[in-house]
Amino acid sequence: LIEDDADITIEHVIANATGILQRFDCTVVHLSPMTNSILTNYGLSKNTSELIVNHKGVINKGAKKTSLAQRTKGIILDLASSITTDPILEINENDVFAKHGASIGAIDDADLYYLMSRGLTREESETLIIRAFMKPYFRHITDDKFMTLASQVVEKILE
């Protein structure tokens, strides 16, 4: 971010059902004061796949009053798959706000039980939970063609 008061929000969905390693890296660099960045990653891993999500936020000297936030959320959909994340903050200035976090795990058994007790199958329950997990990403999409393509990709992962 090279101009004062520049602002960026980046959201990614990274889905790996290939059975191989997939690596995703993203870096945001703050060069000017009063800039703001929010980086959110949603990850899904299944079919003995390995997903590595790395994001780095850099606040350079001189970028005072900058705000930087990173978050990765992931769902592992089988016992043989994995998601690894490495959120890195490189802060070279005082008077800034920076935070990062990661939440990776399997679908909660209590959530599955609740939905299944309402008459859904295990597969229907898992699909509903994954769609709800992905919903924050899709809420901002206004391009119908892209929305259709993105929905098709998610549905393929859910098969």
Protein backbone atom coordinates (compact mmCIF):
# COMPACT_ATOMS: atom_id res chain seq x y z
CA LEU A 1 0.00 0.00 0.00
CA ILE A 2 1.86 3.02 -1.28
CA GLU A 3 -0.53 5.94 -0.70
CA ASP A 4 -1.63 7.44 2.62
CA ASP A 5 -5.04 6.12 3.71
CA ALA A 6 -4.91 3.25 1.17
CA ASP A 7 -7.21 0.39 2.07
CA ILE A 8 -7.41 -3.22 0.86
CA THR A 9 -9.50 -6.23 1.79
CA ILE A 10 -8.47 -9.56 0.32
CA GLU A 11 -10.43 -12.79 0.72
CA HIS A 12 -9.32 -16.12 -0.72
CA VAL A 13 -10.87 -19.55 -0.87
CA ILE A 14 -8.28 -22.25 -1.30
CA ALA A 15 -9.70 -25.71 -1.84
CA ASN A 16 -7.53 -28.77 -2.32
CA ALA A 17 -9.03 -32.14 -3.20
CA THR A 18 -6.26 -33.19 -5.57
CA GLY A 19 -4.47 -35.67 -3.32
CA ILE A 20 -1.25 -33.64 -3.61
CA LEU A 21 0.42 -30.67 -1.92
CA GLN A 22 -0.93 -27.21 -2.75
CA ARG A 23 0.84 -24.11 -1.44
CA PHE A 24 -0.71 -20.64 -1.29
CA ASP A 25 1.34 -17.54 -0.41
CA CYS A 26 0.18 -13.92 -0.12
CA THR A 27 2.07 -10.84 1.05
CA VAL A 28 0.76 -7.35 1.84
CA VAL A 29 3.28 -4.54 2.37
CA HIS A 30 2.38 -1.21 4.01
CA LEU A 31 4.69 1.56 2.81
CA SER A 32 2.68 4.67 3.79
CA PRO A 33 0.96 5.94 6.95
CA MET A 34 -2.67 5.28 7.88
CA THR A 35 -3.07 2.31 5.54
CA ASN A 36 -5.39 -0.57 6.30
CA SER A 37 -5.33 -4.19 5.16
CA ILE A 38 -7.50 -7.18 5.95
CA LEU A 39 -6.47 -10.58 4.59
CA THR A 40 -8.80 -13.54 5.13
CA ASN A 41 -8.24 -17.06 3.83
CA TYR A 42 -10.78 -19.90 3.86
CA GLY A 43 -9.24 -23.33 3.26
CA LEU A 44 -10.71 -26.76 2.56
CA SER A 45 -8.66 -29.95 2.28
CA LYS A 46 -9.86 -33.45 1.39
CA ASN A 47 -8.89 -36.62 -0.51
CA THR A 48 -5.49 -37.03 1.20
CA SER A 49 -4.53 -33.48 0.21
CA GLU A 50 -2.10 -31.15 1.93
CA LEU A 51 -2.76 -27.41 1.89
CA ILE A 52 -0.17 -24.89 3.07
CA VAL A 53 -1.41 -21.31 3.50
CA ASN A 54 1.23 -18.66 4.20
CA HIS A 55 0.53 -14.98 4.49
CA LYS A 56 2.86 -12.22 5.42
CA GLY A 57 2.03 -8.69 6.47
CA VAL A 58 4.80 -6.10 6.45
CA ILE A 59 4.60 -2.64 8.00
CA ASN A 60 7.61 -0.63 6.83
CA LYS A 61 9.29 2.18 8.73
CA GLY A 62 7.27 5.37 8.27
CA ALA A 63 3.88 3.61 7.98
CA LYS A 64 2.52 4.99 11.28
CA LYS A 65 -1.10 4.47 12.32
CA THR A 66 -1.36 1.48 10.00
CA SER A 67 -3.78 -1.38 10.64
CA LEU A 68 -3.03 -4.91 9.46
CA ALA A 69 -5.21 -7.98 10.11
CA GLN A 70 -4.70 -11.55 8.93
CA ARG A 71 -6.96 -14.56 9.48
CA THR A 72 -7.04 -18.09 8.14
CA LYS A 73 -9.91 -20.50 8.75
CA GLY A 74 -9.76 -24.06 7.50
CA ILE A 75 -11.75 -27.28 7.50
CA ILE A 76 -10.07 -30.64 7.03
CA LEU A 77 -12.59 -33.03 5.48
CA ASP A 78 -10.89 -36.40 6.03
CA LEU A 79 -8.33 -37.97 8.34
CA ALA A 80 -5.63 -38.18 5.68
CA SER A 81 -5.65 -34.48 4.70
CA SER A 82 -4.04 -31.47 6.36
CA ILE A 83 -3.95 -27.70 6.42
CA THR A 84 -0.94 -25.79 7.70
CA THR A 85 -0.76 -22.02 8.04
CA ASP A 86 2.05 -19.65 8.90
CA PRO A 87 0.82 -16.08 9.48
CA ILE A 88 3.83 -13.77 9.63
CA LEU A 89 3.88 -10.18 10.86
CA GLU A 90 6.96 -8.08 10.13
CA ILE A 91 6.58 -4.77 11.92
CA ASN A 92 9.23 -2.09 11.50
CA GLU A 93 7.28 0.87 12.94
CA ASN A 94 5.71 1.88 16.25
CA ASP A 95 2.18 3.23 16.64
CA VAL A 96 0.52 0.54 14.49
CA PHE A 97 -2.17 -2.11 14.99
CA ALA A 98 -1.46 -5.65 13.80
CA LYS A 99 -3.12 -8.97 14.49
CA HIS A 100 -3.19 -12.46 13.05
CA GLY A 101 -4.90 -15.72 13.78
CA ALA A 102 -5.66 -19.16 12.46
CA SER A 103 -8.39 -21.67 13.15
CA ILE A 104 -8.00 -25.08 11.51
CA GLY A 105 -9.92 -28.25 12.30
CA ALA A 106 -12.46 -30.85 11.32
CA ILE A 107 -16.20 -30.38 11.21
CA ASP A 108 -17.50 -30.29 14.77
CA ASP A 109 -19.21 -33.55 15.78
CA ALA A 110 -21.74 -31.62 17.89
CA ASP A 111 -22.76 -29.58 14.83
CA LEU A 112 -23.17 -32.77 12.79
CA TYR A 113 -25.19 -34.40 15.56
CA TYR A 114 -27.48 -31.37 15.84
CA LEU A 115 -28.23 -31.30 12.10
CA MET A 116 -28.60 -35.07 11.86
CA SER A 117 -31.03 -35.01 14.81
CA ARG A 118 -33.16 -32.69 12.65
CA GLY A 119 -33.43 -35.32 9.91
CA LEU A 120 -30.46 -34.54 7.65
CA THR A 121 -28.03 -37.27 6.59
CA ARG A 122 -24.37 -37.01 7.54
CA GLU A 123 -23.48 -35.97 3.97
CA GLU A 124 -26.24 -33.31 3.87
CA SER A 125 -25.10 -32.01 7.26
CA GLU A 126 -21.46 -31.76 6.18
CA THR A 127 -22.47 -29.98 2.96
CA LEU A 128 -24.61 -27.48 4.88
CA ILE A 129 -21.78 -26.75 7.33
CA ILE A 130 -19.24 -26.26 4.53
CA ARG A 131 -21.59 -23.93 2.65
CA ALA A 132 -22.09 -21.89 5.84
CA PHE A 133 -18.31 -21.80 6.32
CA MET A 134 -17.87 -20.44 2.77
CA LYS A 135 -20.75 -17.94 2.96
CA PRO A 136 -18.66 -14.95 4.17
CA TYR A 137 -16.54 -15.20 1.02
CA PHE A 138 -19.45 -15.36 -1.39
CA ARG A 139 -21.43 -12.48 0.14
CA HIS A 140 -19.26 -9.88 -1.64
CA ILE A 141 -19.37 -11.37 -5.13
CA THR A 142 -21.51 -9.31 -7.49
CA ASP A 143 -20.39 -10.78 -10.83
CA ASP A 144 -22.92 -13.48 -11.78
CA LYS A 145 -20.52 -15.39 -14.06
CA PHE A 146 -17.85 -15.53 -11.39
CA MET A 147 -20.40 -16.52 -8.75
CA THR A 148 -21.59 -19.40 -10.93
CA LEU A 149 -18.02 -20.58 -11.54
CA ALA A 150 -17.07 -20.31 -7.86
CA SER A 151 -20.21 -22.20 -6.81
CA GLN A 152 -19.42 -24.98 -9.30
CA VAL A 153 -15.90 -25.34 -7.92
CA VAL A 154 -17.19 -25.61 -4.35
CA GLU A 155 -19.84 -28.15 -5.40
CA LYS A 156 -17.13 -30.25 -7.09
CA ILE A 157 -15.12 -30.23 -3.87
CA LEU A 158 -18.21 -31.36 -1.94
CA GLU A 159 -18.79 -34.38 -4.20
